[in-house]
Amino acid sequence: MDILISEEKGVRQLHFGSDWVQGAMRIARPYALELEYTREMMAPLLLNPDVNWPRNALFVGLGVGALPKFLHKHRPNCKITVVEISHAVVTAAQMHFKLPPFAPNFRVVVNCAADYMANAVATDARQFDLIMVDGFDAKAKVGPLNSTAFYLNCKSRLSEQGYLVANLLSNQKDSAQSKQRLLDAFDANALALAPCVSGNVIALAHIGAGFNTDQTELKRNCEALKEETGLNLSNTVAKLVEATPKV
């Protein structure tokens, strides 16, 4: 995999040998979420506004580390595990995108995420309050991560108060099938937000936490989150209200 780094107007970007952006970081604000879809992936923080949640989080795919960095900064007690298949991506994140030092509550495992999850199920490894799936190769393919079996393994490792969030691409030929796999795996407890301008579709699922789409409460949670972290999810609130419990 060819790792390329570019910079323009104060934003540093990661590419896998093409112009397609795998991740971005505003140099002046390294812990902020620069890309729209990464901000939308934080929708579970609207659904569970407890500042002590999540307790354990799993990130599938590292990229520039934007998502785990944000959570590590604003939920420092959360135990974060990142599963990334490429040593080169980990090195790039460390060298160019201010990836935090590895520690007991922030670790990166270099492995295929499908294998990692299968092993977690087999060994009854710890459950996660939050699982974020954002793994793509240079051709925007996700391979075994886009399968019912993978989603079922994630489901089995999700806590009762937990959420899974997946980044899907609406321009993929099997986008509808991808959504259906998630729906099937989570017994219809899933929904998809309207596409981002970039074409990313953020889908959410749970095994019992529920989807609170009360607009008043979501707006209140949104204001509290903005006050705490600077992250403005008002557009995401509108998408959550519009969404239905069907993918």
C-alpha atoms as a PDB file:
ATOM      1  CA  MET A   1       0.000   0.000   0.000  1.00  0.00           C
ATOM      2  CA  ASP A   2       1.383   3.395  -1.032  1.00  0.00           C
ATOM      3  CA  ILE A   3       0.944   5.958   1.738  1.00  0.00           C
ATOM      4  CA  LEU A   4       0.811   9.560   0.546  1.00  0.00           C
ATOM      5  CA  ILE A   5       0.531  12.714   2.662  1.00  0.00           C
ATOM      6  CA  SER A   6      -0.684  16.026   1.243  1.00  0.00           C
ATOM      7  CA  GLU A   7      -1.312  19.462   2.750  1.00  0.00           C
ATOM      8  CA  GLU A   8      -3.550  22.280   1.569  1.00  0.00           C
ATOM      9  CA  LYS A   9      -4.860  25.362   3.374  1.00  0.00           C
ATOM     10  CA  GLY A  10      -3.805  24.107   6.768  1.00  0.00           C
ATOM     11  CA  VAL A  11      -5.299  20.631   6.340  1.00  0.00           C
ATOM     12  CA  ARG A  12      -3.133  17.519   6.192  1.00  0.00           C
ATOM     13  CA  GLN A  13      -4.584  14.532   4.335  1.00  0.00           C
ATOM     14  CA  LEU A  14      -3.859  10.824   4.068  1.00  0.00           C
ATOM     15  CA  HIS A  15      -4.110   8.969   0.752  1.00  0.00           C
ATOM     16  CA  PHE A  16      -3.595   5.331  -0.180  1.00  0.00           C
ATOM     17  CA  GLY A  17      -1.838   5.881  -3.501  1.00  0.00           C
ATOM     18  CA  SER A  18      -4.660   7.925  -5.047  1.00  0.00           C
ATOM     19  CA  ASP A  19      -6.445  11.273  -4.764  1.00  0.00           C
ATOM     20  CA  TRP A  20      -9.141   9.693  -2.605  1.00  0.00           C
ATOM     21  CA  VAL A  21      -8.895  11.116   0.926  1.00  0.00           C
ATOM     22  CA  GLN A  22      -8.609   8.441   3.622  1.00  0.00           C
ATOM     23  CA  GLY A  23      -8.516  10.963   6.446  1.00  0.00           C
ATOM     24  CA  ALA A  24      -7.770  14.583   7.242  1.00  0.00           C
ATOM     25  CA  MET A  25      -6.516  16.694  10.120  1.00  0.00           C
ATOM     26  CA  ARG A  26      -6.529  20.463  10.482  1.00  0.00           C
ATOM     27  CA  ILE A  27      -2.997  21.110  11.695  1.00  0.00           C
ATOM     28  CA  ALA A  28      -4.050  23.886  14.067  1.00  0.00           C
ATOM     29  CA  ARG A  29      -6.732  21.628  15.632  1.00  0.00           C
ATOM     30  CA  PRO A  30      -5.349  18.080  15.585  1.00  0.00           C
ATOM     31  CA  TYR A  31      -8.070  16.617  17.833  1.00  0.00           C
ATOM     32  CA  ALA A  32     -11.017  18.136  15.976  1.00  0.00           C
ATOM     33  CA  LEU A  33     -13.053  16.142  13.464  1.00  0.00           C
ATOM     34  CA  GLU A  34     -12.313  17.749  10.101  1.00  0.00           C
ATOM     35  CA  LEU A  35     -14.472  15.605   7.817  1.00  0.00           C
ATOM     36  CA  GLU A  36     -18.269  15.694   7.955  1.00  0.00           C
ATOM     37  CA  TYR A  37     -18.712  11.929   8.066  1.00  0.00           C
ATOM     38  CA  THR A  38     -16.388  11.592  11.079  1.00  0.00           C
ATOM     39  CA  ARG A  39     -18.488  14.126  12.947  1.00  0.00           C
ATOM     40  CA  GLU A  40     -21.642  12.187  12.133  1.00  0.00           C
ATOM     41  CA  MET A  41     -20.051   8.995  13.414  1.00  0.00           C
ATOM     42  CA  MET A  42     -20.169  10.599  16.869  1.00  0.00           C
ATOM     43  CA  ALA A  43     -23.975  10.443  16.798  1.00  0.00           C
ATOM     44  CA  PRO A  44     -24.019   7.902  19.683  1.00  0.00           C
ATOM     45  CA  LEU A  45     -22.826  10.697  21.988  1.00  0.00           C
ATOM     46  CA  LEU A  46     -26.188  12.338  21.293  1.00  0.00           C
ATOM     47  CA  LEU A  47     -28.055   9.128  22.073  1.00  0.00           C
ATOM     48  CA  ASN A  48     -26.156   8.551  25.321  1.00  0.00           C
ATOM     49  CA  PRO A  49     -25.100  11.909  26.795  1.00  0.00           C
ATOM     50  CA  ASP A  50     -23.499  10.405  29.919  1.00  0.00           C
ATOM     51  CA  VAL A  51     -20.011  11.933  30.154  1.00  0.00           C
ATOM     52  CA  ASN A  52     -18.752   8.603  31.548  1.00  0.00           C
ATOM     53  CA  TRP A  53     -19.896   6.760  28.412  1.00  0.00           C
ATOM     54  CA  PRO A  54     -18.486   4.891  26.590  1.00  0.00           C
ATOM     55  CA  ARG A  55     -16.359   2.888  28.999  1.00  0.00           C
ATOM     56  CA  ASN A  56     -14.797   0.694  26.285  1.00  0.00           C
ATOM     57  CA  ALA A  57     -14.603   1.557  22.598  1.00  0.00           C
ATOM     58  CA  LEU A  58     -13.385  -0.376  19.561  1.00  0.00           C
ATOM     59  CA  PHE A  59     -12.368   1.335  16.329  1.00  0.00           C
ATOM     60  CA  VAL A  60     -12.058  -0.720  13.147  1.00  0.00           C
ATOM     61  CA  GLY A  61      -9.691   1.085  10.789  1.00  0.00           C
ATOM     62  CA  LEU A  62      -7.288   3.796  11.926  1.00  0.00           C
ATOM     63  CA  GLY A  63      -6.770   6.188   9.028  1.00  0.00           C
ATOM     64  CA  VAL A  64      -5.411   9.408  10.523  1.00  0.00           C
ATOM     65  CA  GLY A  65      -6.802   8.422  13.910  1.00  0.00           C
ATOM     66  CA  ALA A  66      -9.382  11.213  13.968  1.00  0.00           C
ATOM     67  CA  LEU A  67     -12.144   9.245  15.696  1.00  0.00           C
ATOM     68  CA  PRO A  68     -10.090   7.584  18.468  1.00  0.00           C
ATOM     69  CA  LYS A  69      -8.141  10.808  19.057  1.00  0.00           C
ATOM     70  CA  PHE A  70     -11.333  12.771  19.581  1.00  0.00           C
ATOM     71  CA  LEU A  71     -12.765  10.232  21.996  1.00  0.00           C
ATOM     72  CA  HIS A  72      -9.442   9.877  23.829  1.00  0.00           C
ATOM     73  CA  LYS A  73      -9.317  13.638  24.403  1.00  0.00           C
ATOM     74  CA  HIS A  74     -12.910  14.082  25.538  1.00  0.00           C
ATOM     75  CA  ARG A  75     -13.502  10.717  27.260  1.00  0.00           C
ATOM     76  CA  PRO A  76     -10.060  10.124  28.817  1.00  0.00           C
ATOM     77  CA  ASN A  77     -11.314   7.295  31.049  1.00  0.00           C
ATOM     78  CA  CYS A  78     -12.552   5.287  28.076  1.00  0.00           C
ATOM     79  CA  LYS A  79     -10.461   2.237  27.206  1.00  0.00           C
ATOM     80  CA  ILE A  80      -9.824   2.522  23.463  1.00  0.00           C
ATOM     81  CA  THR A  81      -8.759  -0.284  21.151  1.00  0.00           C
ATOM     82  CA  VAL A  82      -8.011   0.361  17.475  1.00  0.00           C
ATOM     83  CA  VAL A  83      -7.687  -2.513  15.010  1.00  0.00           C
ATOM     84  CA  GLU A  84      -5.740  -1.587  11.863  1.00  0.00           C
ATOM     85  CA  ILE A  85      -4.502  -4.042   9.250  1.00  0.00           C
ATOM     86  CA  SER A  86      -1.527  -1.971   8.028  1.00  0.00           C
ATOM     87  CA  HIS A  87       1.669  -1.194   9.957  1.00  0.00           C
ATOM     88  CA  ALA A  88       2.301   1.607   7.441  1.00  0.00           C
ATOM     89  CA  VAL A  89      -0.961   3.346   8.323  1.00  0.00           C
ATOM     90  CA  VAL A  90      -0.110   3.192  12.027  1.00  0.00           C
ATOM     91  CA  THR A  91       3.323   4.679  11.348  1.00  0.00           C
ATOM     92  CA  ALA A  92       1.829   7.469   9.214  1.00  0.00           C
ATOM     93  CA  ALA A  93      -0.667   8.325  11.951  1.00  0.00           C
ATOM     94  CA  GLN A  94       2.140   8.489  14.502  1.00  0.00           C
ATOM     95  CA  MET A  95       4.467  10.572  12.342  1.00  0.00           C
ATOM     96  CA  HIS A  96       2.055  12.968  10.665  1.00  0.00           C
ATOM     97  CA  PHE A  97      -1.279  13.006  12.517  1.00  0.00           C
ATOM     98  CA  LYS A  98      -0.407  13.216  16.230  1.00  0.00           C
ATOM     99  CA  LEU A  99      -1.621   9.769  17.216  1.00  0.00           C
ATOM    100  CA  PRO A 100      -1.471   9.593  21.037  1.00  0.00           C
ATOM    101  CA  PRO A 101       1.195   7.397  22.633  1.00  0.00           C
ATOM    102  CA  PHE A 102       0.134   3.834  23.292  1.00  0.00           C
ATOM    103  CA  ALA A 103      -1.054   3.294  26.854  1.00  0.00           C
ATOM    104  CA  PRO A 104      -3.284   0.912  28.830  1.00  0.00           C
ATOM    105  CA  ASN A 105      -6.335   2.963  27.803  1.00  0.00           C
ATOM    106  CA  PHE A 106      -5.188   3.598  24.203  1.00  0.00           C
ATOM    107  CA  ARG A 107      -3.851   0.717  22.168  1.00  0.00           C
ATOM    108  CA  VAL A 108      -3.538  -0.187  18.511  1.00  0.00           C
ATOM    109  CA  VAL A 109      -3.658  -3.799  17.355  1.00  0.00           C
ATOM    110  CA  VAL A 110      -2.285  -4.558  13.887  1.00  0.00           C
ATOM    111  CA  ASN A 111      -4.560  -7.280  12.588  1.00  0.00           C
ATOM    112  CA  CYS A 112      -7.396  -8.025  10.196  1.00  0.00           C
ATOM    113  CA  ALA A 113     -10.500  -6.744  12.000  1.00  0.00           C
ATOM    114  CA  ALA A 114     -12.586  -9.689  10.807  1.00  0.00           C
ATOM    115  CA  ASP A 115     -10.084 -12.080  12.389  1.00  0.00           C
ATOM    116  CA  TYR A 116      -9.866  -9.936  15.512  1.00  0.00           C
ATOM    117  CA  MET A 117     -13.621  -9.991  16.021  1.00  0.00           C
ATOM    118  CA  ALA A 118     -13.891 -13.723  15.359  1.00  0.00           C
ATOM    119  CA  ASN A 119     -11.192 -14.343  17.961  1.00  0.00           C
ATOM    120  CA  ALA A 120     -12.896 -11.961  20.415  1.00  0.00           C
ATOM    121  CA  VAL A 121     -16.068 -14.020  20.118  1.00  0.00           C
ATOM    122  CA  ALA A 122     -14.203 -17.315  20.488  1.00  0.00           C
ATOM    123  CA  THR A 123     -12.354 -16.146  23.609  1.00  0.00           C
ATOM    124  CA  ASP A 124     -15.299 -14.223  25.071  1.00  0.00           C
ATOM    125  CA  ALA A 125     -13.219 -11.041  25.141  1.00  0.00           C
ATOM    126  CA  ARG A 126     -14.542  -7.913  26.811  1.00  0.00           C
ATOM    127  CA  GLN A 127     -17.631  -6.156  25.582  1.00  0.00           C
ATOM    128  CA  PHE A 128     -17.638  -2.679  24.085  1.00  0.00           C
ATOM    129  CA  ASP A 129     -20.036   0.209  24.622  1.00  0.00           C
ATOM    130  CA  LEU A 130     -19.102   1.621  21.238  1.00  0.00           C
ATOM    131  CA  ILE A 131     -17.856  -0.042  18.043  1.00  0.00           C
ATOM    132  CA  MET A 132     -16.955   2.170  15.075  1.00  0.00           C
ATOM    133  CA  VAL A 133     -16.351   0.533  11.702  1.00  0.00           C
ATOM    134  CA  ASP A 134     -14.479   2.681   9.174  1.00  0.00           C
ATOM    135  CA  GLY A 135     -12.142   0.382   7.267  1.00  0.00           C
ATOM    136  CA  PHE A 136     -11.445   0.776   3.551  1.00  0.00           C
ATOM    137  CA  ASP A 137      -8.629  -0.130   1.203  1.00  0.00           C
ATOM    138  CA  ALA A 138      -7.207   2.029  -1.590  1.00  0.00           C
ATOM    139  CA  LYS A 139     -10.141   1.077  -3.845  1.00  0.00           C
ATOM    140  CA  ALA A 140     -12.777   1.927  -1.226  1.00  0.00           C
ATOM    141  CA  LYS A 141     -13.443  -1.767  -0.623  1.00  0.00           C
ATOM    142  CA  VAL A 142     -14.102  -3.203   2.834  1.00  0.00           C
ATOM    143  CA  GLY A 143     -13.838  -6.942   2.100  1.00  0.00           C
ATOM    144  CA  PRO A 144     -14.965  -9.186   4.988  1.00  0.00           C
ATOM    145  CA  LEU A 145     -15.905  -6.166   7.111  1.00  0.00           C
ATOM    146  CA  ASN A 146     -18.961  -5.801   4.884  1.00  0.00           C
ATOM    147  CA  SER A 147     -20.562  -9.109   5.837  1.00  0.00           C
ATOM    148  CA  THR A 148     -23.372 -10.346   8.021  1.00  0.00           C
ATOM    149  CA  ALA A 149     -20.914 -12.632   9.825  1.00  0.00           C
ATOM    150  CA  PHE A 150     -18.722  -9.671  10.805  1.00  0.00           C
ATOM    151  CA  TYR A 151     -21.701  -7.649  12.015  1.00  0.00           C
ATOM    152  CA  LEU A 152     -22.953 -10.632  14.026  1.00  0.00           C
ATOM    153  CA  ASN A 153     -19.553 -10.912  15.717  1.00  0.00           C
ATOM    154  CA  CYS A 154     -19.660  -7.195  16.520  1.00  0.00           C
ATOM    155  CA  LYS A 155     -23.159  -7.609  17.888  1.00  0.00           C
ATOM    156  CA  SER A 156     -22.032 -10.382  20.229  1.00  0.00           C
ATOM    157  CA  ARG A 157     -19.327  -8.110  21.684  1.00  0.00           C
ATOM    158  CA  LEU A 158     -21.587  -5.082  22.139  1.00  0.00           C
ATOM    159  CA  SER A 159     -22.831  -4.159  25.615  1.00  0.00           C
ATOM    160  CA  GLU A 160     -26.535  -3.717  26.326  1.00  0.00           C
ATOM    161  CA  GLN A 161     -26.069   0.054  26.382  1.00  0.00           C
ATOM    162  CA  GLY A 162     -23.806   0.014  23.353  1.00  0.00           C
ATOM    163  CA  TYR A 163     -23.978   1.200  19.749  1.00  0.00           C
ATOM    164  CA  LEU A 164     -22.284   0.131  16.551  1.00  0.00           C
ATOM    165  CA  VAL A 165     -21.593   2.826  13.964  1.00  0.00           C
ATOM    166  CA  ALA A 166     -20.547   1.962  10.409  1.00  0.00           C
ATOM    167  CA  ASN A 167     -19.345   4.204   7.605  1.00  0.00           C
ATOM    168  CA  LEU A 168     -20.917   3.075   4.345  1.00  0.00           C
ATOM    169  CA  LEU A 169     -20.459   4.579   0.895  1.00  0.00           C
ATOM    170  CA  SER A 170     -23.700   5.360  -0.933  1.00  0.00           C
ATOM    171  CA  ASN A 171     -22.022   5.134  -4.338  1.00  0.00           C
ATOM    172  CA  GLN A 172     -20.999   1.510  -3.878  1.00  0.00           C
ATOM    173  CA  LYS A 173     -22.890  -0.978  -6.038  1.00  0.00           C
ATOM    174  CA  ASP A 174     -23.822  -3.084  -3.035  1.00  0.00           C
ATOM    175  CA  SER A 175     -24.788  -0.188  -0.753  1.00  0.00           C
ATOM    176  CA  ALA A 176     -28.344  -1.450  -0.335  1.00  0.00           C
ATOM    177  CA  GLN A 177     -27.061  -4.945   0.447  1.00  0.00           C
ATOM    178  CA  SER A 178     -24.639  -3.506   2.987  1.00  0.00           C
ATOM    179  CA  LYS A 179     -27.463  -1.805   4.835  1.00  0.00           C
ATOM    180  CA  GLN A 180     -29.556  -4.954   4.700  1.00  0.00           C
ATOM    181  CA  ARG A 181     -26.729  -7.027   6.202  1.00  0.00           C
ATOM    182  CA  LEU A 182     -26.577  -4.656   9.149  1.00  0.00           C
ATOM    183  CA  LEU A 183     -30.343  -4.749   9.517  1.00  0.00           C
ATOM    184  CA  ASP A 184     -30.391  -8.548   9.416  1.00  0.00           C
ATOM    185  CA  ALA A 185     -27.557  -8.914  11.935  1.00  0.00           C
ATOM    186  CA  PHE A 186     -29.172  -6.568  14.459  1.00  0.00           C
ATOM    187  CA  ASP A 187     -32.753  -7.828  14.126  1.00  0.00           C
ATOM    188  CA  ALA A 188     -33.961  -4.560  12.573  1.00  0.00           C
ATOM    189  CA  ASN A 189     -32.460  -2.447  15.377  1.00  0.00           C
ATOM    190  CA  ALA A 190     -30.587  -0.276  12.890  1.00  0.00           C
ATOM    191  CA  LEU A 191     -30.995   2.947  10.962  1.00  0.00           C
ATOM    192  CA  ALA A 192     -29.088   4.929   8.353  1.00  0.00           C
ATOM    193  CA  LEU A 193     -28.678   8.691   8.218  1.00  0.00           C
ATOM    194  CA  ALA A 194     -29.091  10.636   5.007  1.00  0.00           C
ATOM    195  CA  PRO A 195     -25.855  10.691   2.958  1.00  0.00           C
ATOM    196  CA  CYS A 196     -23.145  13.255   3.631  1.00  0.00           C
ATOM    197  CA  VAL A 197     -22.074  15.537   0.796  1.00  0.00           C
ATOM    198  CA  SER A 198     -19.091  13.204   0.310  1.00  0.00           C
ATOM    199  CA  GLY A 199     -21.400  10.231  -0.252  1.00  0.00           C
ATOM    200  CA  ASN A 200     -20.682   8.601   3.096  1.00  0.00           C
ATOM    201  CA  VAL A 201     -23.698   7.076   4.807  1.00  0.00           C
ATOM    202  CA  ILE A 202     -23.495   6.622   8.563  1.00  0.00           C
ATOM    203  CA  ALA A 203     -25.476   3.654   9.884  1.00  0.00           C
ATOM    204  CA  LEU A 204     -26.141   2.888  13.542  1.00  0.00           C
ATOM    205  CA  ALA A 205     -27.251  -0.282  15.302  1.00  0.00           C
ATOM    206  CA  HIS A 206     -27.825  -1.525  18.846  1.00  0.00           C
ATOM    207  CA  ILE A 207     -28.977  -4.570  20.794  1.00  0.00           C
ATOM    208  CA  GLY A 208     -31.073  -2.826  23.413  1.00  0.00           C
ATOM    209  CA  ALA A 209     -29.936   0.776  23.912  1.00  0.00           C
ATOM    210  CA  GLY A 210     -32.670   2.095  21.619  1.00  0.00           C
ATOM    211  CA  PHE A 211     -32.858   5.114  19.329  1.00  0.00           C
ATOM    212  CA  ASN A 212     -34.081   8.249  21.032  1.00  0.00           C
ATOM    213  CA  THR A 213     -35.289  10.514  18.246  1.00  0.00           C
ATOM    214  CA  ASP A 214     -37.067  13.041  20.485  1.00  0.00           C
ATOM    215  CA  GLN A 215     -36.013  16.319  18.933  1.00  0.00           C
ATOM    216  CA  THR A 216     -36.124  18.352  22.131  1.00  0.00           C
ATOM    217  CA  GLU A 217     -33.909  15.929  24.028  1.00  0.00           C
ATOM    218  CA  LEU A 218     -31.506  15.511  21.130  1.00  0.00           C
ATOM    219  CA  LYS A 219     -31.120  19.273  20.810  1.00  0.00           C
ATOM    220  CA  ARG A 220     -30.433  19.512  24.531  1.00  0.00           C
ATOM    221  CA  ASN A 221     -27.798  16.775  24.268  1.00  0.00           C
ATOM    222  CA  CYS A 222     -26.336  18.500  21.220  1.00  0.00           C
ATOM    223  CA  GLU A 223     -25.879  21.789  23.083  1.00  0.00           C
ATOM    224  CA  ALA A 224     -24.257  20.014  26.033  1.00  0.00           C
ATOM    225  CA  LEU A 225     -21.885  18.143  23.720  1.00  0.00           C
ATOM    226  CA  LYS A 226     -20.953  21.353  21.900  1.00  0.00           C
ATOM    227  CA  GLU A 227     -20.272  23.087  25.196  1.00  0.00           C
ATOM    228  CA  GLU A 228     -18.106  20.195  26.375  1.00  0.00           C
ATOM    229  CA  THR A 229     -16.157  19.357  23.212  1.00  0.00           C
ATOM    230  CA  GLY A 230     -16.781  22.071  20.621  1.00  0.00           C
ATOM    231  CA  LEU A 231     -18.413  19.503  18.334  1.00  0.00           C
ATOM    232  CA  ASN A 232     -21.597  20.802  16.702  1.00  0.00           C
ATOM    233  CA  LEU A 233     -23.926  17.967  15.682  1.00  0.00           C
ATOM    234  CA  SER A 234     -27.037  20.043  14.964  1.00  0.00           C
ATOM    235  CA  ASN A 235     -27.222  18.695  11.405  1.00  0.00           C
ATOM    236  CA  THR A 236     -26.913  15.175  12.758  1.00  0.00           C
ATOM    237  CA  VAL A 237     -29.796  15.829  15.142  1.00  0.00           C
ATOM    238  CA  ALA A 238     -31.976  16.700  12.169  1.00  0.00           C
ATOM    239  CA  LYS A 239     -30.926  13.522  10.367  1.00  0.00           C
ATOM    240  CA  LEU A 240     -31.648  11.380  13.416  1.00  0.00           C
ATOM    241  CA  VAL A 241     -35.126  12.880  13.719  1.00  0.00           C
ATOM    242  CA  GLU A 242     -35.796  12.193  10.044  1.00  0.00           C
ATOM    243  CA  ALA A 243     -34.479   8.640  10.174  1.00  0.00           C
ATOM    244  CA  THR A 244     -36.673   5.654  10.956  1.00  0.00           C
ATOM    245  CA  PRO A 245     -35.690   2.337  12.611  1.00  0.00           C
ATOM    246  CA  LYS A 246     -35.152   0.808   9.176  1.00  0.00           C
ATOM    247  CA  VAL A 247     -31.976   0.810   7.114  1.00  0.00           C
END
